[in-house]
Amino acid sequence: MHFFQHKEGRLYCEEVPVEDIAYQVGTPFYLYSYRTLVRHFRAFDGAFSKFPHLICYSAKANSNLAVLKTFINLGGGVDVVSGGELFRALRAGADPSKIVYSGVGKREDEINYALQEGILMFNVESYQEFHLINGIASKLDTKAPISLRINPDIDPHTHPYVATGIRQAKFGIYMDQALEWYREAKQLPHLTIKGISCHIGSQLTEVGPFVEALRRVKELALKLAQEGIEIEYIDLGGGLGITYHQEEPPHPREYAQAIIAEGRDLPCTYIFEPGRVIVGNAGILVTRVLYTKEGEKNFVVVDAAMNDLVRPTLYGAYQQIVSVREKEGDEMVADMVGPICESGDFLARDRLMPRFEPGDLVAVMSAGAYGFSMSSNYNSRPRVAEVLVKDGDFYLIRQRESYEDLIRGERIPTFLEG
């Protein structure tokens, strides 16, 4: 459940009319509901309340400092995949001992940074990586906490771009290599083996693939125990989906029941890295209609574009289109498009929608995950503002970029000055 609803014909975020925010902040902008963020975090965390666990929110879904701080205040940790995300998590006040560092391409400076900050563990993705981590830890005269991320070769039944646990994916270590590599990692003097990591994909709408992945992780954990390698943490990643259109993903409670039933006989702490399931439906993108074009094909041109929300272009993803002021009367089938000079610049295609007019405000729903965090400055468009609503007040949590921000850090060499 989220707290975006129409009241007397006007769309509200909690107790604040969305059009009031648009009037003061301008468009486009991302809008998040604090109450929804808290509800979703507690729903996921509470589903595992009687099971040893740690929720490490996946920063890549939405890395705004205010969003991170919300979950940190609720006792959550953070899953990061870059030095920049680690910096954000620490700046937001995260406890380093609740930070896990995933990702297939960690740089030496990023590893050094994470070691010096004392993170919980690295989820290691390759043979060369754990040797590099061992070497860096040696220079720092410390031991690096690691788990190996295994690739269980499980089809998660999701978009191929976000299927990370199949054998063809770039992520993780093949199961048939894992035991040998754990043995070698055990012998390295500056590594401490903490656990096993596994993440099979994003926007999953079935529990079965998660359970099968855990089953394979358990098999590996039992083999490691026979080798004298004790596992303290099982990191099952994230990936639980949300409803964008007609999907029927399981509730976190159903997911938790299945994981607990399969995992209760393996005594360790379970780490979960939810992202989309917490923030996805807690945010919307608000945009304004600039023009309409009607003819053989109809277009609604708005001031948000693929640089602001790339999911429809990148994945062919469905995002619900809602009028901020409820409109009665005619509807039309149209494409909702932005100002970018690409035919792939669209927010919706061949969609039945109200007959919008210039100046109308539009809400693109379920945009809280992989919205702003995947945005860019393509076509030299300043990135949009972000706003957080709590009850009857709203807070600007990221200023809209200016034209000066677009060229910050750029230099014209002297030989071009004439």
Protein backbone atom coordinates (compact mmCIF):
# COMPACT_ATOMS: atom_id res chain seq x y z
CA MET A 1 0.00 0.00 0.00
CA HIS A 2 1.15 3.53 -0.70
CA PHE A 3 -0.05 6.97 0.34
CA PHE A 4 -0.77 8.54 -3.06
CA GLN A 5 -4.50 8.93 -3.59
CA HIS A 6 -7.06 11.24 -5.11
CA LYS A 7 -9.23 13.26 -2.73
CA GLU A 8 -12.04 15.32 -4.20
CA GLY A 9 -10.42 15.07 -7.61
CA ARG A 10 -6.89 16.09 -6.58
CA LEU A 11 -3.91 13.75 -6.17
CA TYR A 12 -2.40 13.88 -2.68
CA CYS A 13 0.85 12.55 -1.30
CA GLU A 14 -0.11 11.81 2.29
CA GLU A 15 -1.80 15.09 3.34
CA VAL A 16 -0.24 17.37 0.72
CA PRO A 17 -1.79 18.13 -2.71
CA VAL A 18 0.74 17.24 -5.40
CA GLU A 19 -0.15 20.31 -7.46
CA ASP A 20 0.77 22.57 -4.51
CA ILE A 21 4.25 21.09 -4.50
CA ALA A 22 4.50 21.48 -8.29
CA TYR A 23 3.55 25.14 -7.99
CA GLN A 24 6.38 25.80 -5.54
CA VAL A 25 9.08 23.43 -6.82
CA GLY A 26 8.41 23.40 -10.56
CA THR A 27 8.38 20.35 -12.82
CA PRO A 28 9.55 17.72 -13.35
CA PHE A 29 10.35 16.38 -9.89
CA TYR A 30 10.44 13.12 -7.96
CA LEU A 31 8.10 12.91 -4.99
CA TYR A 32 8.42 10.38 -2.16
CA SER A 33 6.08 9.47 0.67
CA TYR A 34 7.87 9.06 4.02
CA ARG A 35 4.94 7.15 5.45
CA THR A 36 5.12 4.65 2.59
CA LEU A 37 8.88 4.19 2.95
CA VAL A 38 8.47 3.39 6.64
CA ARG A 39 5.50 1.09 6.09
CA HIS A 40 7.31 -0.92 3.43
CA PHE A 41 10.54 -1.24 5.42
CA ARG A 42 8.68 -2.39 8.50
CA ALA A 43 6.60 -4.86 6.47
CA PHE A 44 9.76 -6.51 5.15
CA ASP A 45 11.74 -6.33 8.39
CA GLY A 46 8.79 -7.43 10.51
CA ALA A 47 8.19 -10.50 8.35
CA PHE A 48 11.54 -11.84 9.65
CA SER A 49 11.10 -10.60 13.23
CA LYS A 50 11.60 -14.04 14.81
CA PHE A 51 14.43 -15.03 12.49
CA PRO A 52 18.07 -13.85 12.86
CA HIS A 53 18.46 -11.31 10.09
CA LEU A 54 19.79 -7.94 8.95
CA ILE A 55 18.08 -5.73 6.36
CA CYS A 56 20.69 -4.00 4.18
CA TYR A 57 18.70 -1.66 1.93
CA SER A 58 19.98 -1.71 -1.67
CA ALA A 59 21.25 1.83 -2.24
CA LYS A 60 21.25 1.49 -6.03
CA ALA A 61 17.45 1.58 -6.08
CA ASN A 62 17.32 5.10 -4.65
CA SER A 63 20.40 6.61 -3.02
CA ASN A 64 19.09 9.99 -1.87
CA LEU A 65 20.52 10.78 1.56
CA ALA A 66 17.09 11.36 3.07
CA VAL A 67 15.86 7.98 1.82
CA LEU A 68 18.97 6.25 3.18
CA LYS A 69 18.60 8.05 6.51
CA THR A 70 14.99 6.93 6.80
CA PHE A 71 16.01 3.26 6.72
CA ILE A 72 19.10 3.76 8.86
CA ASN A 73 16.90 5.33 11.55
CA LEU A 74 14.74 2.19 11.43
CA GLY A 75 17.77 0.01 12.19
CA GLY A 76 18.67 -0.96 8.65
CA GLY A 77 22.04 -1.43 7.07
CA VAL A 78 23.00 -0.68 3.48
CA ASP A 79 24.05 -2.73 0.46
CA VAL A 80 26.47 -0.74 -1.72
CA VAL A 81 28.09 -1.44 -5.08
CA SER A 82 30.53 1.47 -5.43
CA GLY A 83 32.73 3.80 -3.45
CA GLY A 84 30.20 6.53 -4.12
CA GLU A 85 27.35 4.53 -2.61
CA LEU A 86 29.57 3.72 0.38
CA PHE A 87 30.26 7.44 0.79
CA ARG A 88 26.52 8.19 0.64
CA ALA A 89 25.69 5.49 3.19
CA LEU A 90 28.32 6.77 5.63
CA ARG A 91 27.30 10.39 5.09
CA ALA A 92 23.71 9.41 5.89
CA GLY A 93 24.91 7.90 9.19
CA ALA A 94 25.03 4.19 8.41
CA ASP A 95 26.83 1.92 10.85
CA PRO A 96 29.80 0.52 8.86
CA SER A 97 29.28 -2.84 10.56
CA LYS A 98 25.90 -3.01 8.79
CA ILE A 99 27.26 -2.28 5.30
CA VAL A 100 27.85 -5.02 2.72
CA TYR A 101 29.78 -4.24 -0.46
CA SER A 102 28.61 -6.10 -3.55
CA GLY A 103 29.44 -5.62 -7.21
CA VAL A 104 31.47 -7.33 -9.89
CA GLY A 105 34.06 -4.58 -10.49
CA LYS A 106 35.37 -3.12 -7.24
CA ARG A 107 38.41 -0.87 -7.78
CA GLU A 108 41.47 -0.96 -5.56
CA ASP A 109 40.79 2.49 -4.12
CA GLU A 110 37.19 1.48 -3.33
CA ILE A 111 38.32 -1.69 -1.55
CA ASN A 112 40.86 0.32 0.43
CA TYR A 113 38.17 2.84 1.40
CA ALA A 114 35.77 0.11 2.56
CA LEU A 115 38.45 -1.66 4.60
CA GLN A 116 39.45 1.53 6.36
CA GLU A 117 35.82 2.23 7.23
CA GLY A 118 35.34 -1.26 8.72
CA ILE A 119 32.39 -2.58 6.70
CA LEU A 120 30.63 -5.84 7.59
CA MET A 121 31.89 -7.75 4.53
CA PHE A 122 32.68 -7.79 0.82
CA ASN A 123 30.57 -10.00 -1.42
CA VAL A 124 33.41 -11.21 -3.64
CA GLU A 125 32.62 -12.00 -7.28
CA SER A 126 35.84 -13.42 -8.75
CA TYR A 127 39.03 -15.33 -7.98
CA GLN A 128 41.20 -12.33 -8.79
CA GLU A 129 39.13 -10.09 -6.54
CA PHE A 130 39.66 -12.00 -3.31
CA HIS A 131 43.40 -12.13 -4.00
CA LEU A 132 43.41 -8.36 -4.55
CA ILE A 133 41.44 -7.80 -1.33
CA ASN A 134 43.91 -9.99 0.55
CA GLY A 135 46.80 -7.91 -0.80
CA ILE A 136 45.21 -4.59 0.12
CA ALA A 137 44.34 -5.88 3.60
CA SER A 138 47.98 -6.95 4.00
CA LYS A 139 49.18 -3.41 3.29
CA LEU A 140 46.73 -2.11 5.89
CA ASP A 141 47.80 -4.82 8.35
CA THR A 142 44.23 -6.01 8.80
CA LYS A 143 41.93 -8.87 7.84
CA ALA A 144 39.22 -8.33 5.24
CA PRO A 145 35.81 -9.90 5.94
CA ILE A 146 34.46 -11.64 2.85
CA SER A 147 31.77 -13.87 1.49
CA LEU A 148 31.84 -15.36 -2.00
CA ARG A 149 28.90 -14.53 -4.20
CA ILE A 150 27.86 -17.74 -5.89
CA ASN A 151 26.01 -17.98 -9.19
CA PRO A 152 23.45 -20.76 -8.63
CA ASP A 153 22.37 -20.90 -12.30
CA ILE A 154 18.69 -20.35 -11.58
CA ASP A 155 16.25 -18.74 -14.00
CA PRO A 156 14.47 -16.04 -11.97
CA HIS A 157 11.75 -15.49 -14.62
CA THR A 158 12.36 -11.78 -14.97
CA HIS A 159 13.67 -9.35 -17.60
CA PRO A 160 16.99 -10.69 -18.96
CA TYR A 161 18.76 -7.42 -18.15
CA VAL A 162 18.11 -7.94 -14.42
CA ALA A 163 18.56 -11.72 -14.27
CA THR A 164 21.80 -12.04 -12.32
CA GLY A 165 21.79 -15.66 -11.16
CA ILE A 166 21.92 -17.48 -14.51
CA ARG A 167 25.14 -19.05 -15.73
CA GLN A 168 25.46 -16.57 -18.62
CA ALA A 169 25.39 -13.56 -16.26
CA LYS A 170 28.56 -11.67 -15.35
CA PHE A 171 27.82 -11.95 -11.63
CA GLY A 172 29.20 -14.34 -9.07
CA ILE A 173 31.23 -17.56 -8.97
CA TYR A 174 30.01 -20.82 -10.45
CA MET A 175 28.88 -23.38 -7.90
CA ASP A 176 31.34 -25.98 -9.16
CA GLN A 177 34.23 -23.58 -8.42
CA ALA A 178 33.07 -22.26 -5.07
CA LEU A 179 34.34 -25.00 -2.74
CA GLU A 180 37.85 -24.89 -4.16
CA TRP A 181 37.98 -21.10 -3.93
CA TYR A 182 36.73 -21.11 -0.34
CA ARG A 183 39.53 -23.53 0.51
CA GLU A 184 42.07 -21.18 -1.01
CA ALA A 185 40.55 -18.09 0.64
CA LYS A 186 40.83 -19.85 3.99
CA GLN A 187 44.60 -20.14 3.53
CA LEU A 188 45.12 -16.45 2.77
CA PRO A 189 46.37 -14.68 5.89
CA HIS A 190 44.48 -11.41 5.48
CA LEU A 191 40.99 -12.74 4.73
CA THR A 192 38.26 -13.73 7.17
CA ILE A 193 35.49 -15.84 5.67
CA LYS A 194 32.16 -14.54 6.92
CA GLY A 195 29.52 -16.04 4.69
CA ILE A 196 27.98 -16.98 1.37
CA SER A 197 26.24 -14.47 -0.88
CA CYS A 198 23.68 -15.07 -3.62
CA HIS A 199 21.51 -12.66 -5.62
CA ILE A 200 19.53 -14.08 -8.54
CA GLY A 201 17.82 -11.05 -10.04
CA SER A 202 15.44 -8.13 -9.72
CA GLN A 203 11.65 -7.70 -10.01
CA LEU A 204 10.93 -11.35 -9.23
CA THR A 205 7.25 -12.24 -8.86
CA GLU A 206 7.60 -15.83 -7.63
CA VAL A 207 8.97 -17.26 -4.38
CA GLY A 208 10.17 -20.52 -5.95
CA PRO A 209 13.46 -19.25 -7.44
CA PHE A 210 14.47 -17.72 -4.08
CA VAL A 211 13.85 -21.03 -2.29
CA GLU A 212 15.80 -22.99 -4.89
CA ALA A 213 18.72 -20.58 -4.59
CA LEU A 214 18.74 -20.95 -0.81
CA ARG A 215 18.64 -24.73 -1.18
CA ARG A 216 21.83 -24.61 -3.25
CA VAL A 217 23.47 -22.21 -0.81
CA LYS A 218 22.70 -24.62 2.04
CA GLU A 219 24.34 -27.48 0.15
CA LEU A 220 27.50 -25.41 -0.18
CA ALA A 221 27.36 -24.34 3.49
CA LEU A 222 27.21 -27.98 4.61
CA LYS A 223 30.22 -28.86 2.46
CA LEU A 224 32.12 -25.90 3.91
CA ALA A 225 31.29 -27.01 7.45
CA GLN A 226 32.85 -30.38 6.69
CA GLU A 227 36.00 -28.51 5.68
CA GLY A 228 36.04 -26.59 8.94
CA ILE A 229 34.81 -23.37 7.33
CA GLU A 230 32.01 -21.97 9.47
CA ILE A 231 29.51 -19.63 7.87
CA GLU A 232 28.21 -16.72 9.95
CA TYR A 233 26.08 -14.97 7.32
CA ILE A 234 23.91 -16.04 4.38
CA ASP A 235 23.28 -13.05 2.12
CA LEU A 236 20.30 -13.78 -0.14
CA GLY A 237 20.35 -10.40 -1.85
CA GLY A 238 17.13 -8.69 -2.90
CA GLY A 239 14.94 -8.96 -5.95
CA LEU A 240 11.37 -9.17 -4.67
CA GLY A 241 9.14 -7.44 -7.20
CA ILE A 242 6.32 -4.90 -7.02
CA THR A 243 3.14 -4.24 -8.96
CA TYR A 244 3.67 -1.86 -11.86
CA HIS A 245 0.75 -3.07 -13.97
CA GLN A 246 -0.67 -6.60 -13.72
CA GLU A 247 2.11 -8.31 -11.79
CA GLU A 248 1.12 -10.21 -8.64
CA PRO A 249 4.32 -10.48 -6.60
CA PRO A 250 4.25 -12.24 -3.24
CA HIS A 251 3.89 -10.17 -0.09
CA PRO A 252 7.11 -9.97 1.99
CA ARG A 253 5.30 -12.09 4.58
CA GLU A 254 4.86 -14.94 2.05
CA TYR A 255 8.48 -14.57 0.95
CA ALA A 256 9.66 -14.68 4.58
CA GLN A 257 7.61 -17.78 5.39
CA ALA A 258 9.20 -19.65 2.49
CA ILE A 259 12.75 -18.56 3.35
CA ILE A 260 12.35 -19.33 7.05
CA ALA A 261 10.92 -22.78 6.31
CA GLU A 262 13.91 -23.61 4.11
CA GLY A 263 16.60 -21.88 6.14
CA ARG A 264 15.75 -22.43 9.79
CA ASP A 265 18.01 -25.50 10.09
CA LEU A 266 21.11 -23.53 9.08
CA PRO A 267 22.17 -21.53 12.15
CA CYS A 268 23.44 -18.17 10.93
CA THR A 269 22.30 -14.59 10.38
CA TYR A 270 20.48 -13.96 7.11
CA ILE A 271 21.12 -10.73 5.21
CA PHE A 272 18.50 -9.36 2.84
CA GLU A 273 19.03 -6.51 0.38
CA PRO A 274 15.57 -5.21 -0.57
CA GLY A 275 15.42 -2.14 -2.77
CA ARG A 276 12.58 -1.87 -5.25
CA VAL A 277 10.08 -3.61 -2.95
CA ILE A 278 10.57 -0.84 -0.37
CA VAL A 279 10.97 2.30 -2.47
CA GLY A 280 9.35 1.48 -5.82
CA ASN A 281 5.76 2.37 -5.00
CA ALA A 282 6.82 5.03 -2.48
CA GLY A 283 7.72 7.50 -5.23
CA ILE A 284 6.27 9.16 -8.32
CA LEU A 285 7.62 11.38 -11.08
CA VAL A 286 5.55 14.53 -11.56
CA THR A 287 5.66 16.13 -14.99
CA ARG A 288 3.73 18.80 -16.90
CA VAL A 289 2.17 18.56 -20.36
CA LEU A 290 3.84 20.90 -22.85
CA TYR A 291 2.02 20.07 -26.08
CA THR A 292 -0.34 17.53 -27.64
CA LYS A 293 -0.19 16.27 -31.22
CA GLU A 294 -3.21 14.46 -32.64
CA GLY A 295 -3.44 12.69 -35.95
CA GLU A 296 -2.75 9.25 -37.34
CA LYS A 297 -0.80 8.73 -34.12
CA ASN A 298 -1.34 10.79 -30.98
CA PHE A 299 1.40 12.21 -28.77
CA VAL A 300 1.40 13.91 -25.38
CA VAL A 301 4.66 15.81 -24.97
CA VAL A 302 5.70 16.37 -21.34
CA ASP A 303 8.67 18.07 -19.69
CA ALA A 304 10.08 14.82 -18.24
CA ALA A 305 12.11 12.56 -20.49
CA MET A 306 14.11 9.35 -20.75
CA ASN A 307 17.05 11.04 -19.03
CA ASP A 308 14.80 11.49 -15.97
CA LEU A 309 13.20 8.02 -16.04
CA VAL A 310 14.91 5.52 -18.34
CA ARG A 311 13.06 2.33 -17.35
CA PRO A 312 10.44 2.49 -20.15
CA THR A 313 13.15 3.05 -22.76
CA LEU A 314 15.67 0.59 -21.32
CA TYR A 315 13.39 -2.28 -20.32
CA GLY A 316 10.14 -1.53 -22.14
CA ALA A 317 8.81 -1.11 -18.61
CA TYR A 318 5.23 -0.17 -17.82
CA GLN A 319 4.69 2.87 -15.60
CA GLN A 320 1.13 3.84 -14.78
CA ILE A 321 0.10 7.31 -16.00
CA VAL A 322 -2.25 9.26 -13.71
CA SER A 323 -3.66 12.76 -14.05
CA VAL A 324 -2.89 14.85 -10.96
CA ARG A 325 -6.34 16.41 -11.33
CA GLU A 326 -8.90 13.76 -12.20
CA LYS A 327 -10.23 14.39 -15.71
CA GLU A 328 -13.66 13.46 -16.93
CA GLY A 329 -14.68 13.00 -20.53
CA ASP A 330 -12.83 11.73 -23.56
CA GLU A 331 -9.85 9.43 -23.46
CA MET A 332 -7.33 8.80 -26.20
CA VAL A 333 -4.69 6.26 -27.14
CA ALA A 334 -1.37 8.07 -27.27
CA ASP A 335 2.34 7.96 -26.62
CA MET A 336 3.57 10.07 -23.71
CA VAL A 337 6.96 11.39 -24.81
CA GLY A 338 9.61 13.82 -23.64
CA PRO A 339 11.78 16.50 -25.26
CA ILE A 340 14.84 14.27 -25.85
CA CYS A 341 16.00 13.92 -29.46
CA GLU A 342 15.53 10.14 -29.55
CA SER A 343 12.59 8.11 -30.84
CA GLY A 344 13.10 5.94 -27.77
CA ASP A 345 12.24 8.85 -25.49
CA PHE A 346 8.89 7.81 -24.07
CA LEU A 347 7.20 7.24 -20.72
CA ALA A 348 4.26 5.29 -22.19
CA ARG A 349 3.41 3.90 -25.61
CA ASP A 350 0.02 3.25 -27.20
CA ARG A 351 -1.60 3.84 -23.83
CA LEU A 352 -5.23 4.74 -23.17
CA MET A 353 -5.05 7.96 -21.19
CA PRO A 354 -7.09 11.11 -20.48
CA ARG A 355 -7.22 13.69 -23.24
CA PHE A 356 -4.54 15.88 -21.69
CA GLU A 357 -4.14 19.58 -22.41
CA PRO A 358 -1.02 21.78 -22.18
CA GLY A 359 -0.38 22.69 -18.55
CA ASP A 360 -1.94 19.54 -17.08
CA LEU A 361 0.10 17.79 -14.41
CA VAL A 362 0.80 14.08 -14.78
CA ALA A 363 2.04 11.56 -12.19
CA VAL A 364 4.15 8.66 -13.40
CA MET A 365 3.53 6.08 -10.70
CA SER A 366 5.85 3.50 -9.11
CA ALA A 367 8.92 5.60 -9.90
CA GLY A 368 10.65 5.49 -6.52
CA ALA A 369 13.12 2.77 -7.56
CA TYR A 370 15.62 3.13 -10.38
CA GLY A 371 14.18 6.53 -11.25
CA PHE A 372 16.44 9.35 -10.16
CA SER A 373 19.28 6.92 -9.41
CA MET A 374 19.48 6.02 -13.13
CA SER A 375 18.91 9.55 -14.43
CA SER A 376 21.45 11.45 -16.52
CA ASN A 377 22.19 14.82 -18.09
CA TYR A 378 21.65 13.64 -21.67
CA ASN A 379 20.82 16.53 -24.01
CA SER A 380 22.35 18.74 -21.27
CA ARG A 381 19.16 18.54 -19.25
CA PRO A 382 19.61 19.42 -15.55
CA ARG A 383 18.60 16.59 -13.25
CA VAL A 384 15.30 17.15 -11.48
CA ALA A 385 14.43 18.03 -7.90
CA GLU A 386 13.50 15.43 -5.29
CA VAL A 387 10.88 16.05 -2.60
CA LEU A 388 9.88 14.09 0.50
CA VAL A 389 6.45 14.40 2.12
CA LYS A 390 5.81 13.57 5.76
CA ASP A 391 2.22 13.96 6.87
CA GLY A 392 1.21 17.52 5.99
CA ASP A 393 4.65 18.95 5.16
CA PHE A 394 7.04 18.56 2.28
CA TYR A 395 10.83 18.91 2.17
CA LEU A 396 13.13 19.60 -0.75
CA ILE A 397 15.71 16.80 -0.40
CA ARG A 398 17.59 17.56 -3.62
CA GLN A 399 17.69 20.88 -5.41
CA ARG A 400 17.06 20.96 -9.13
CA GLU A 401 20.34 21.26 -11.00
CA SER A 402 21.16 24.56 -12.70
CA TYR A 403 22.83 25.14 -16.06
CA GLU A 404 25.99 26.00 -14.13
CA ASP A 405 25.85 22.57 -12.51
CA LEU A 406 25.97 21.01 -15.98
CA ILE A 407 29.46 22.34 -16.68
CA ARG A 408 30.87 22.12 -13.17
CA GLY A 409 34.34 20.60 -13.38
CA GLU A 410 34.75 21.12 -17.13
CA ARG A 411 37.70 23.09 -18.49
CA ILE A 412 38.56 24.57 -21.88
CA PRO A 413 42.31 24.06 -22.50
CA THR A 414 44.32 27.21 -23.10
CA PHE A 415 45.17 26.28 -26.72
CA LEU A 416 41.47 26.61 -27.60
CA GLU A 417 41.16 30.09 -26.11
CA GLY A 418 42.78 31.78 -29.14
